[in-house]
Amino acid sequence: MSFQLDKETKKVVAGVQISEEAKKILTKTHDNAMNAVDYIENSAISFMSKIEGLENINDEIDKAILGFETTPTKRNISIVCDNFQEYADILDQLIDFGHLGFAMKTLIDFLSGLTEEQFEQDKVKKLSSMLLNLLHDLNAWRENVFITQVARDIHYLDASLLSSCIQMESIFEEKAVSTEDDDIEFF
């Protein structure tokens, strides 16, 4: 997996390169976890309309993933990437969610690099399923943080989302993700 970061240091786990920043996110614990209620109360309300717009983007991503699963072409995976980019653009505006945005960028970079030769039926089905699960997680995160405000830690999805992205790449690396000799736990 290649990350476009200033740091050139990368680590390889089961054939998938992981940068130091990615490893830091995967192992990060938030000592000063902020719950959703406190976050919303202490944040500008002006971005709430953008958060509501994530639901529409979520629906578009869902349709794009199903379109890719049905017809796995470079064009259809590009549509998936474009929709995820819209989601990431909103996250970029929410400075507190830089790690979540980094995970989304990692996913977009990976998906953009796939070629039609890699679109074997079983891999496409597995990738589509994982993308739909990731999308479900993003939707649950949005609801838990911004709508119902029940999240005890607004950053609970950061490492899990990045881990899911790395697992998706491992499908195309034809190697299983292993945590032997590493302190990284994949979800």
N, C-alpha and C. Protein backbone atom coordinates (compact mmCIF):
# COMPACT_ATOMS: atom_id res chain seq x y z
N MET A 1 0.86 -1.16 0.00
CA MET A 1 0.00 0.00 0.00
C MET A 1 0.90 1.22 0.00
N SER A 2 0.66 2.14 -0.82
CA SER A 2 1.49 3.34 -0.82
C SER A 2 0.67 4.51 -0.31
N PHE A 3 1.25 5.22 0.62
CA PHE A 3 0.62 6.40 1.19
C PHE A 3 1.36 7.62 0.66
N GLN A 4 0.65 8.66 0.34
CA GLN A 4 1.29 9.87 -0.13
C GLN A 4 1.47 10.81 1.06
N LEU A 5 2.58 10.63 1.76
CA LEU A 5 2.89 11.41 2.94
C LEU A 5 4.29 11.99 2.81
N ASP A 6 4.58 12.94 3.66
CA ASP A 6 5.91 13.53 3.68
C ASP A 6 6.94 12.50 4.14
N LYS A 7 6.53 11.59 5.02
CA LYS A 7 7.44 10.59 5.55
C LYS A 7 7.64 9.49 4.52
N GLU A 8 8.86 9.06 4.37
CA GLU A 8 9.18 7.98 3.44
C GLU A 8 9.30 6.65 4.16
N THR A 9 9.32 6.66 5.49
CA THR A 9 9.49 5.45 6.26
C THR A 9 8.24 4.60 6.16
N LYS A 10 8.43 3.34 5.75
CA LYS A 10 7.30 2.43 5.62
C LYS A 10 7.68 1.11 6.23
N LYS A 11 6.70 0.40 6.71
CA LYS A 11 6.88 -0.92 7.28
C LYS A 11 6.03 -1.88 6.47
N VAL A 12 6.48 -3.11 6.32
CA VAL A 12 5.73 -4.09 5.55
C VAL A 12 5.12 -5.09 6.53
N VAL A 13 3.80 -5.27 6.43
CA VAL A 13 3.08 -6.27 7.21
C VAL A 13 2.36 -7.15 6.22
N ALA A 14 2.73 -8.42 6.18
CA ALA A 14 2.09 -9.40 5.29
C ALA A 14 2.04 -8.91 3.85
N GLY A 15 3.11 -8.30 3.37
CA GLY A 15 3.19 -7.85 2.00
C GLY A 15 2.58 -6.49 1.74
N VAL A 16 1.98 -5.88 2.74
CA VAL A 16 1.35 -4.57 2.59
C VAL A 16 2.21 -3.56 3.32
N GLN A 17 2.68 -2.54 2.60
CA GLN A 17 3.52 -1.52 3.22
C GLN A 17 2.68 -0.62 4.10
N ILE A 18 3.19 -0.34 5.28
CA ILE A 18 2.48 0.54 6.22
C ILE A 18 3.46 1.63 6.64
N SER A 19 3.07 2.87 6.42
CA SER A 19 3.93 3.98 6.81
C SER A 19 3.94 4.13 8.33
N GLU A 20 4.90 4.87 8.82
CA GLU A 20 4.96 5.13 10.25
C GLU A 20 3.70 5.86 10.73
N GLU A 21 3.18 6.77 9.91
CA GLU A 21 1.95 7.48 10.31
C GLU A 21 0.78 6.52 10.42
N ALA A 22 0.66 5.59 9.48
CA ALA A 22 -0.42 4.60 9.54
C ALA A 22 -0.27 3.73 10.77
N LYS A 23 0.96 3.30 11.06
CA LYS A 23 1.19 2.48 12.25
C LYS A 23 0.83 3.26 13.51
N LYS A 24 1.16 4.55 13.52
CA LYS A 24 0.83 5.39 14.67
C LYS A 24 -0.69 5.47 14.87
N ILE A 25 -1.43 5.60 13.78
CA ILE A 25 -2.89 5.68 13.87
C ILE A 25 -3.45 4.34 14.34
N LEU A 26 -2.92 3.25 13.82
CA LEU A 26 -3.42 1.93 14.19
C LEU A 26 -3.21 1.62 15.66
N THR A 27 -2.14 2.16 16.24
CA THR A 27 -1.83 1.86 17.64
C THR A 27 -2.22 2.97 18.60
N LYS A 28 -2.78 4.05 18.08
CA LYS A 28 -3.09 5.22 18.91
C LYS A 28 -4.25 4.94 19.86
N THR A 29 -4.05 5.38 21.07
CA THR A 29 -5.14 5.41 22.03
C THR A 29 -5.32 6.86 22.44
N HIS A 30 -6.54 7.25 22.63
CA HIS A 30 -6.84 8.63 22.99
C HIS A 30 -6.98 8.71 24.51
N ASP A 31 -5.94 9.27 25.14
CA ASP A 31 -5.97 9.43 26.59
C ASP A 31 -7.01 10.46 27.01
N ASN A 32 -7.26 11.39 26.14
CA ASN A 32 -8.23 12.45 26.44
C ASN A 32 -9.43 12.31 25.51
N ALA A 33 -10.03 11.13 25.52
CA ALA A 33 -11.16 10.86 24.63
C ALA A 33 -12.28 11.86 24.88
N MET A 34 -12.79 12.37 23.78
CA MET A 34 -13.89 13.32 23.87
C MET A 34 -15.16 12.62 23.42
N ASN A 35 -16.19 12.71 24.24
CA ASN A 35 -17.45 12.08 23.85
C ASN A 35 -18.19 12.99 22.87
N ALA A 36 -19.18 12.41 22.22
CA ALA A 36 -19.90 13.13 21.16
C ALA A 36 -20.62 14.37 21.68
N VAL A 37 -21.25 14.28 22.82
CA VAL A 37 -22.00 15.42 23.35
C VAL A 37 -21.06 16.61 23.59
N ASP A 38 -19.92 16.35 24.24
CA ASP A 38 -18.95 17.42 24.48
C ASP A 38 -18.41 17.98 23.17
N TYR A 39 -18.15 17.10 22.22
CA TYR A 39 -17.62 17.56 20.94
C TYR A 39 -18.61 18.50 20.25
N ILE A 40 -19.86 18.09 20.18
CA ILE A 40 -20.87 18.89 19.50
C ILE A 40 -21.08 20.22 20.23
N GLU A 41 -21.11 20.19 21.56
CA GLU A 41 -21.30 21.41 22.33
C GLU A 41 -20.15 22.40 22.17
N ASN A 42 -18.93 21.89 21.98
CA ASN A 42 -17.75 22.74 21.90
C ASN A 42 -17.31 23.03 20.47
N SER A 43 -18.06 22.57 19.49
CA SER A 43 -17.69 22.76 18.10
C SER A 43 -18.66 23.73 17.44
N ALA A 44 -18.21 24.28 16.35
CA ALA A 44 -19.08 25.19 15.59
C ALA A 44 -20.23 24.41 14.99
N ILE A 45 -21.40 24.92 15.12
CA ILE A 45 -22.59 24.26 14.58
C ILE A 45 -22.67 24.43 13.07
N SER A 46 -21.89 25.32 12.52
CA SER A 46 -21.98 25.64 11.09
C SER A 46 -21.73 24.45 10.17
N PHE A 47 -21.03 23.43 10.64
CA PHE A 47 -20.74 22.29 9.78
C PHE A 47 -21.82 21.22 9.85
N MET A 48 -22.83 21.38 10.68
CA MET A 48 -23.85 20.35 10.84
C MET A 48 -24.62 20.08 9.54
N SER A 49 -24.83 21.09 8.72
CA SER A 49 -25.52 20.85 7.45
C SER A 49 -24.66 19.96 6.54
N LYS A 50 -23.35 20.11 6.64
CA LYS A 50 -22.44 19.26 5.85
C LYS A 50 -22.51 17.83 6.35
N ILE A 51 -22.61 17.66 7.66
CA ILE A 51 -22.71 16.33 8.24
C ILE A 51 -23.99 15.65 7.75
N GLU A 52 -25.07 16.41 7.70
CA GLU A 52 -26.33 15.86 7.19
C GLU A 52 -26.18 15.45 5.72
N GLY A 53 -25.36 16.17 4.97
CA GLY A 53 -25.11 15.83 3.57
C GLY A 53 -24.36 14.52 3.40
N LEU A 54 -23.69 14.06 4.45
CA LEU A 54 -22.97 12.79 4.37
C LEU A 54 -23.94 11.62 4.14
N GLU A 55 -25.17 11.76 4.60
CA GLU A 55 -26.15 10.69 4.38
C GLU A 55 -26.41 10.51 2.89
N ASN A 56 -26.54 11.62 2.15
CA ASN A 56 -26.74 11.52 0.70
C ASN A 56 -25.52 10.92 0.01
N ILE A 57 -24.34 11.34 0.44
CA ILE A 57 -23.10 10.79 -0.13
C ILE A 57 -23.02 9.30 0.17
N ASN A 58 -23.41 8.92 1.37
CA ASN A 58 -23.43 7.52 1.77
C ASN A 58 -24.30 6.69 0.81
N ASP A 59 -25.47 7.22 0.48
CA ASP A 59 -26.36 6.53 -0.46
C ASP A 59 -25.73 6.40 -1.84
N GLU A 60 -25.05 7.45 -2.28
CA GLU A 60 -24.39 7.42 -3.60
C GLU A 60 -23.24 6.41 -3.61
N ILE A 61 -22.50 6.35 -2.51
CA ILE A 61 -21.40 5.37 -2.43
C ILE A 61 -21.96 3.96 -2.48
N ASP A 62 -23.05 3.73 -1.75
CA ASP A 62 -23.69 2.42 -1.74
C ASP A 62 -24.08 2.00 -3.16
N LYS A 63 -24.71 2.89 -3.91
CA LYS A 63 -25.10 2.60 -5.29
C LYS A 63 -23.87 2.33 -6.16
N ALA A 64 -22.81 3.13 -5.95
CA ALA A 64 -21.60 2.98 -6.75
C ALA A 64 -20.92 1.64 -6.47
N ILE A 65 -20.89 1.22 -5.22
CA ILE A 65 -20.28 -0.08 -4.87
C ILE A 65 -21.07 -1.21 -5.51
N LEU A 66 -22.40 -1.14 -5.43
CA LEU A 66 -23.22 -2.18 -6.04
C LEU A 66 -23.05 -2.19 -7.56
N GLY A 67 -22.89 -1.02 -8.16
CA GLY A 67 -22.62 -0.93 -9.60
C GLY A 67 -21.28 -1.56 -9.95
N PHE A 68 -20.28 -1.33 -9.12
CA PHE A 68 -18.96 -1.92 -9.34
C PHE A 68 -19.02 -3.44 -9.19
N GLU A 69 -19.76 -3.91 -8.19
CA GLU A 69 -19.85 -5.36 -7.98
C GLU A 69 -20.53 -6.03 -9.18
N THR A 70 -21.56 -5.40 -9.72
CA THR A 70 -22.28 -5.94 -10.87
C THR A 70 -21.44 -5.87 -12.14
N THR A 71 -20.78 -4.73 -12.35
CA THR A 71 -19.96 -4.51 -13.53
C THR A 71 -18.61 -3.95 -13.10
N PRO A 72 -17.66 -4.85 -12.79
CA PRO A 72 -16.36 -4.40 -12.28
C PRO A 72 -15.46 -3.82 -13.38
N THR A 73 -15.57 -2.52 -13.55
CA THR A 73 -14.74 -1.82 -14.54
C THR A 73 -13.95 -0.72 -13.84
N LYS A 74 -12.93 -0.26 -14.52
CA LYS A 74 -12.14 0.85 -13.99
C LYS A 74 -13.02 2.09 -13.82
N ARG A 75 -13.94 2.31 -14.72
CA ARG A 75 -14.86 3.45 -14.64
C ARG A 75 -15.73 3.36 -13.38
N ASN A 76 -16.26 2.17 -13.09
CA ASN A 76 -17.12 2.02 -11.92
C ASN A 76 -16.36 2.16 -10.61
N ILE A 77 -15.13 1.66 -10.55
CA ILE A 77 -14.35 1.85 -9.32
C ILE A 77 -13.97 3.31 -9.17
N SER A 78 -13.82 4.01 -10.29
CA SER A 78 -13.54 5.44 -10.26
C SER A 78 -14.72 6.22 -9.67
N ILE A 79 -15.92 5.80 -9.97
CA ILE A 79 -17.12 6.43 -9.41
C ILE A 79 -17.16 6.21 -7.89
N VAL A 80 -16.80 5.00 -7.46
CA VAL A 80 -16.72 4.72 -6.02
C VAL A 80 -15.72 5.67 -5.37
N CYS A 81 -14.55 5.81 -6.00
CA CYS A 81 -13.49 6.70 -5.47
C CYS A 81 -13.96 8.15 -5.40
N ASP A 82 -14.63 8.61 -6.45
CA ASP A 82 -15.11 9.99 -6.47
C ASP A 82 -16.09 10.25 -5.32
N ASN A 83 -16.97 9.28 -5.07
CA ASN A 83 -17.92 9.44 -3.97
C ASN A 83 -17.24 9.40 -2.61
N PHE A 84 -16.27 8.51 -2.44
CA PHE A 84 -15.51 8.48 -1.19
C PHE A 84 -14.73 9.79 -1.02
N GLN A 85 -14.26 10.36 -2.13
CA GLN A 85 -13.53 11.63 -2.06
C GLN A 85 -14.45 12.75 -1.56
N GLU A 86 -15.69 12.76 -1.99
CA GLU A 86 -16.65 13.75 -1.47
C GLU A 86 -16.78 13.63 0.04
N TYR A 87 -16.86 12.40 0.51
CA TYR A 87 -16.95 12.14 1.95
C TYR A 87 -15.69 12.65 2.65
N ALA A 88 -14.53 12.32 2.08
CA ALA A 88 -13.25 12.75 2.65
C ALA A 88 -13.12 14.26 2.66
N ASP A 89 -13.64 14.93 1.63
CA ASP A 89 -13.56 16.40 1.58
C ASP A 89 -14.30 17.03 2.76
N ILE A 90 -15.43 16.46 3.12
CA ILE A 90 -16.15 16.98 4.28
C ILE A 90 -15.36 16.70 5.55
N LEU A 91 -14.78 15.51 5.66
CA LEU A 91 -13.96 15.19 6.84
C LEU A 91 -12.77 16.14 6.96
N ASP A 92 -12.21 16.55 5.82
CA ASP A 92 -11.09 17.49 5.84
C ASP A 92 -11.47 18.82 6.47
N GLN A 93 -12.72 19.20 6.35
CA GLN A 93 -13.19 20.43 6.94
C GLN A 93 -13.36 20.32 8.45
N LEU A 94 -13.44 19.10 8.93
CA LEU A 94 -13.56 18.84 10.37
C LEU A 94 -12.18 18.46 10.89
N ILE A 95 -11.44 19.43 11.29
CA ILE A 95 -10.02 19.26 11.64
C ILE A 95 -9.80 18.12 12.64
N ASP A 96 -10.75 17.90 13.53
CA ASP A 96 -10.59 16.87 14.55
C ASP A 96 -10.60 15.45 14.00
N PHE A 97 -10.93 15.29 12.73
CA PHE A 97 -11.03 13.96 12.15
C PHE A 97 -10.00 13.71 11.07
N GLY A 98 -8.79 14.20 11.29
CA GLY A 98 -7.70 14.03 10.35
C GLY A 98 -7.32 12.57 10.13
N HIS A 99 -7.34 11.77 11.20
CA HIS A 99 -6.98 10.37 11.06
C HIS A 99 -8.02 9.61 10.25
N LEU A 100 -9.27 9.96 10.43
CA LEU A 100 -10.33 9.33 9.65
C LEU A 100 -10.18 9.72 8.18
N GLY A 101 -9.86 10.98 7.94
CA GLY A 101 -9.61 11.45 6.58
C GLY A 101 -8.42 10.75 5.95
N PHE A 102 -7.37 10.51 6.75
CA PHE A 102 -6.19 9.81 6.27
C PHE A 102 -6.56 8.39 5.83
N ALA A 103 -7.39 7.72 6.62
CA ALA A 103 -7.83 6.36 6.27
C ALA A 103 -8.63 6.39 4.96
N MET A 104 -9.48 7.38 4.80
CA MET A 104 -10.27 7.50 3.56
C MET A 104 -9.34 7.74 2.37
N LYS A 105 -8.35 8.60 2.55
CA LYS A 105 -7.39 8.88 1.47
C LYS A 105 -6.62 7.61 1.10
N THR A 106 -6.25 6.84 2.10
CA THR A 106 -5.56 5.57 1.87
C THR A 106 -6.44 4.64 1.03
N LEU A 107 -7.71 4.57 1.37
CA LEU A 107 -8.65 3.74 0.63
C LEU A 107 -8.78 4.22 -0.82
N ILE A 108 -8.95 5.52 -1.00
CA ILE A 108 -9.11 6.08 -2.34
C ILE A 108 -7.87 5.81 -3.19
N ASP A 109 -6.69 6.01 -2.61
CA ASP A 109 -5.45 5.75 -3.34
C ASP A 109 -5.35 4.29 -3.77
N PHE A 110 -5.70 3.40 -2.86
CA PHE A 110 -5.64 1.98 -3.18
C PHE A 110 -6.63 1.62 -4.29
N LEU A 111 -7.88 2.04 -4.14
CA LEU A 111 -8.91 1.72 -5.13
C LEU A 111 -8.56 2.31 -6.50
N SER A 112 -8.01 3.51 -6.50
CA SER A 112 -7.64 4.17 -7.76
C SER A 112 -6.54 3.41 -8.49
N GLY A 113 -5.71 2.71 -7.75
CA GLY A 113 -4.60 1.99 -8.34
C GLY A 113 -4.95 0.61 -8.87
N LEU A 114 -6.17 0.14 -8.63
CA LEU A 114 -6.56 -1.17 -9.13
C LEU A 114 -6.71 -1.14 -10.65
N THR A 115 -6.42 -2.25 -11.27
CA THR A 115 -6.58 -2.38 -12.72
C THR A 115 -7.66 -3.42 -13.00
N GLU A 116 -8.22 -3.37 -14.19
CA GLU A 116 -9.28 -4.32 -14.55
C GLU A 116 -8.77 -5.76 -14.55
N GLU A 117 -7.48 -5.96 -14.77
CA GLU A 117 -6.91 -7.29 -14.72
C GLU A 117 -7.02 -7.89 -13.32
N GLN A 118 -7.12 -7.06 -12.30
CA GLN A 118 -7.23 -7.53 -10.92
C GLN A 118 -8.66 -7.83 -10.51
N PHE A 119 -9.62 -7.54 -11.36
CA PHE A 119 -11.03 -7.67 -11.01
C PHE A 119 -11.55 -9.09 -11.21
N GLU A 120 -10.93 -10.04 -10.53
CA GLU A 120 -11.42 -11.41 -10.54
C GLU A 120 -12.72 -11.45 -9.75
N GLN A 121 -13.66 -12.28 -10.17
CA GLN A 121 -15.00 -12.28 -9.60
C GLN A 121 -15.00 -12.44 -8.08
N ASP A 122 -14.24 -13.42 -7.56
CA ASP A 122 -14.26 -13.64 -6.12
C ASP A 122 -13.64 -12.47 -5.36
N LYS A 123 -12.61 -11.85 -5.92
CA LYS A 123 -11.99 -10.69 -5.27
C LYS A 123 -12.92 -9.47 -5.31
N VAL A 124 -13.61 -9.29 -6.41
CA VAL A 124 -14.56 -8.17 -6.54
C VAL A 124 -15.68 -8.32 -5.52
N LYS A 125 -16.21 -9.53 -5.39
CA LYS A 125 -17.29 -9.76 -4.42
C LYS A 125 -16.81 -9.50 -2.99
N LYS A 126 -15.62 -9.98 -2.68
CA LYS A 126 -15.07 -9.78 -1.34
C LYS A 126 -14.79 -8.29 -1.09
N LEU A 127 -14.20 -7.62 -2.06
CA LEU A 127 -13.93 -6.19 -1.94
C LEU A 127 -15.23 -5.40 -1.78
N SER A 128 -16.22 -5.72 -2.59
CA SER A 128 -17.50 -5.02 -2.52
C SER A 128 -18.15 -5.21 -1.16
N SER A 129 -18.10 -6.42 -0.65
CA SER A 129 -18.65 -6.70 0.68
C SER A 129 -17.93 -5.89 1.76
N MET A 130 -16.60 -5.86 1.67
CA MET A 130 -15.83 -5.10 2.66
C MET A 130 -16.10 -3.60 2.54
N LEU A 131 -16.25 -3.11 1.32
CA LEU A 131 -16.55 -1.69 1.12
C LEU A 131 -17.93 -1.35 1.70
N LEU A 132 -18.90 -2.23 1.50
CA LEU A 132 -20.24 -1.99 2.05
C LEU A 132 -20.21 -2.02 3.58
N ASN A 133 -19.42 -2.92 4.14
CA ASN A 133 -19.28 -2.96 5.61
C ASN A 133 -18.60 -1.69 6.12
N LEU A 134 -17.58 -1.24 5.42
CA LEU A 134 -16.90 0.00 5.79
C LEU A 134 -17.86 1.18 5.71
N LEU A 135 -18.67 1.20 4.68
CA LEU A 135 -19.66 2.26 4.51
C LEU A 135 -20.68 2.23 5.64
N HIS A 136 -21.08 1.04 6.04
CA HIS A 136 -21.99 0.90 7.17
C HIS A 136 -21.35 1.45 8.44
N ASP A 137 -20.07 1.14 8.64
CA ASP A 137 -19.34 1.66 9.81
C ASP A 137 -19.28 3.19 9.79
N LEU A 138 -19.02 3.76 8.62
CA LEU A 138 -18.98 5.22 8.50
C LEU A 138 -20.34 5.84 8.82
N ASN A 139 -21.40 5.21 8.35
CA ASN A 139 -22.74 5.71 8.62
C ASN A 139 -23.06 5.62 10.11
N ALA A 140 -22.70 4.50 10.73
CA ALA A 140 -22.92 4.33 12.17
C ALA A 140 -22.11 5.37 12.96
N TRP A 141 -20.87 5.62 12.52
CA TRP A 141 -20.03 6.63 13.18
C TRP A 141 -20.69 8.00 13.09
N ARG A 142 -21.17 8.37 11.90
CA ARG A 142 -21.83 9.66 11.70
C ARG A 142 -23.03 9.79 12.62
N GLU A 143 -23.83 8.74 12.70
CA GLU A 143 -25.01 8.76 13.57
C GLU A 143 -24.62 8.83 15.03
N ASN A 144 -23.64 8.01 15.45
CA ASN A 144 -23.24 7.95 16.86
C ASN A 144 -22.59 9.24 17.35
N VAL A 145 -21.88 9.91 16.46
CA VAL A 145 -21.19 11.14 16.87
C VAL A 145 -22.08 12.37 16.70
N PHE A 146 -22.73 12.50 15.57
CA PHE A 146 -23.41 13.75 15.25
C PHE A 146 -24.92 13.75 15.45
N ILE A 147 -25.57 12.62 15.35
CA ILE A 147 -27.03 12.62 15.43
C ILE A 147 -27.49 12.19 16.83
N THR A 148 -27.21 10.95 17.20
CA THR A 148 -27.63 10.49 18.53
C THR A 148 -26.65 10.91 19.62
N GLN A 149 -25.43 11.23 19.23
CA GLN A 149 -24.37 11.71 20.13
C GLN A 149 -24.12 10.75 21.30
N VAL A 150 -24.09 9.45 20.99
CA VAL A 150 -23.87 8.44 22.02
C VAL A 150 -22.42 7.94 22.07
N ALA A 151 -21.60 8.36 21.12
CA ALA A 151 -20.20 7.88 21.08
C ALA A 151 -19.44 8.39 22.30
N ARG A 152 -18.81 7.45 23.01
CA ARG A 152 -18.00 7.84 24.17
C ARG A 152 -16.65 8.40 23.75
N ASP A 153 -16.23 8.07 22.52
CA ASP A 153 -14.99 8.59 21.97
C ASP A 153 -15.24 8.88 20.49
N ILE A 154 -15.15 10.13 20.10
CA ILE A 154 -15.44 10.51 18.72
C ILE A 154 -14.43 9.91 17.73
N HIS A 155 -13.33 9.39 18.24
CA HIS A 155 -12.28 8.83 17.37
C HIS A 155 -12.30 7.30 17.33
N TYR A 156 -13.40 6.71 17.76
CA TYR A 156 -13.43 5.25 17.86
C TYR A 156 -13.26 4.53 16.53
N LEU A 157 -13.53 5.18 15.42
CA LEU A 157 -13.46 4.52 14.11
C LEU A 157 -12.11 4.66 13.41
N ASP A 158 -11.26 5.57 13.87
CA ASP A 158 -10.01 5.89 13.17
C ASP A 158 -9.18 4.66 12.82
N ALA A 159 -8.72 3.92 13.82
CA ALA A 159 -7.83 2.79 13.58
C ALA A 159 -8.56 1.65 12.88
N SER A 160 -9.81 1.42 13.23
CA SER A 160 -10.58 0.34 12.62
C SER A 160 -10.75 0.57 11.12
N LEU A 161 -11.04 1.79 10.72
CA LEU A 161 -11.22 2.10 9.31
C LEU A 161 -9.92 1.90 8.54
N LEU A 162 -8.81 2.37 9.09
CA LEU A 162 -7.51 2.19 8.43
C LEU A 162 -7.16 0.70 8.35
N SER A 163 -7.44 -0.05 9.40
CA SER A 163 -7.19 -1.48 9.40
C SER A 163 -8.01 -2.17 8.31
N SER A 164 -9.25 -1.77 8.15
CA SER A 164 -10.10 -2.33 7.10
C SER A 164 -9.52 -2.05 5.72
N CYS A 165 -8.99 -0.86 5.53
CA CYS A 165 -8.38 -0.50 4.25
C CYS A 165 -7.18 -1.39 3.95
N ILE A 166 -6.38 -1.65 4.96
CA ILE A 166 -5.20 -2.50 4.79
C ILE A 166 -5.63 -3.94 4.48
N GLN A 167 -6.70 -4.39 5.14
CA GLN A 167 -7.20 -5.74 4.86
C GLN A 167 -7.71 -5.85 3.43
N MET A 168 -8.35 -4.79 2.92
CA MET A 168 -8.82 -4.81 1.54
C MET A 168 -7.66 -4.95 0.57
N GLU A 169 -6.60 -4.23 0.85
CA GLU A 169 -5.44 -4.32 -0.04
C GLU A 169 -4.85 -5.72 -0.01
N SER A 170 -4.89 -6.37 1.15
CA SER A 170 -4.31 -7.71 1.25
C SER A 170 -5.04 -8.71 0.35
N ILE A 171 -6.30 -8.44 0.01
CA ILE A 171 -7.04 -9.32 -0.92
C ILE A 171 -6.32 -9.35 -2.26
N PHE A 172 -5.84 -8.21 -2.69
CA PHE A 172 -5.21 -8.12 -4.00
C PHE A 172 -3.72 -8.42 -3.94
N GLU A 173 -3.17 -8.46 -2.74
CA GLU A 173 -1.77 -8.86 -2.56
C GLU A 173 -1.67 -10.38 -2.47
N GLU A 174 -2.85 -11.04 -2.34
CA GLU A 174 -2.94 -12.48 -2.20
C GLU A 174 -2.15 -12.99 -1.01
N LYS A 175 -2.15 -12.20 0.04
CA LYS A 175 -1.51 -12.59 1.29
C LYS A 175 -2.47 -12.24 2.40
N ALA A 176 -2.51 -13.07 3.39
CA ALA A 176 -3.38 -12.79 4.54
C ALA A 176 -2.70 -11.78 5.45
N VAL A 177 -3.48 -10.93 6.06
CA VAL A 177 -2.94 -9.97 7.01
C VAL A 177 -2.60 -10.73 8.27
N SER A 178 -1.38 -10.57 8.72
CA SER A 178 -0.91 -11.25 9.91
C SER A 178 -0.43 -10.23 10.91
N THR A 179 -0.63 -10.54 12.18
CA THR A 179 -0.15 -9.63 13.22
C THR A 179 1.03 -10.22 13.97
N GLU A 180 1.58 -11.34 13.48
CA GLU A 180 2.74 -11.92 14.12
C GLU A 180 3.89 -10.92 14.11
N ASP A 181 4.62 -10.87 15.19
CA ASP A 181 5.76 -9.98 15.36
C ASP A 181 5.39 -8.51 15.35
N ASP A 182 4.11 -8.20 15.43
CA ASP A 182 3.67 -6.81 15.46
C ASP A 182 2.69 -6.65 16.60
N ASP A 183 2.60 -5.44 17.11
CA ASP A 183 1.66 -5.13 18.17
C ASP A 183 0.40 -4.49 17.61
N ILE A 184 0.16 -4.64 16.31
CA ILE A 184 -1.00 -4.04 15.67
C ILE A 184 -2.12 -5.07 15.67
N GLU A 185 -3.30 -4.66 16.14
CA GLU A 185 -4.44 -5.55 16.12
C GLU A 185 -5.37 -5.11 15.00
N PHE A 186 -5.68 -6.02 14.09
CA PHE A 186 -6.59 -5.70 12.99
C PHE A 186 -7.99 -6.13 13.38
N PHE A 187 -8.96 -5.29 13.09
CA PHE A 187 -10.34 -5.55 13.48
C PHE A 187 -11.08 -6.23 12.36
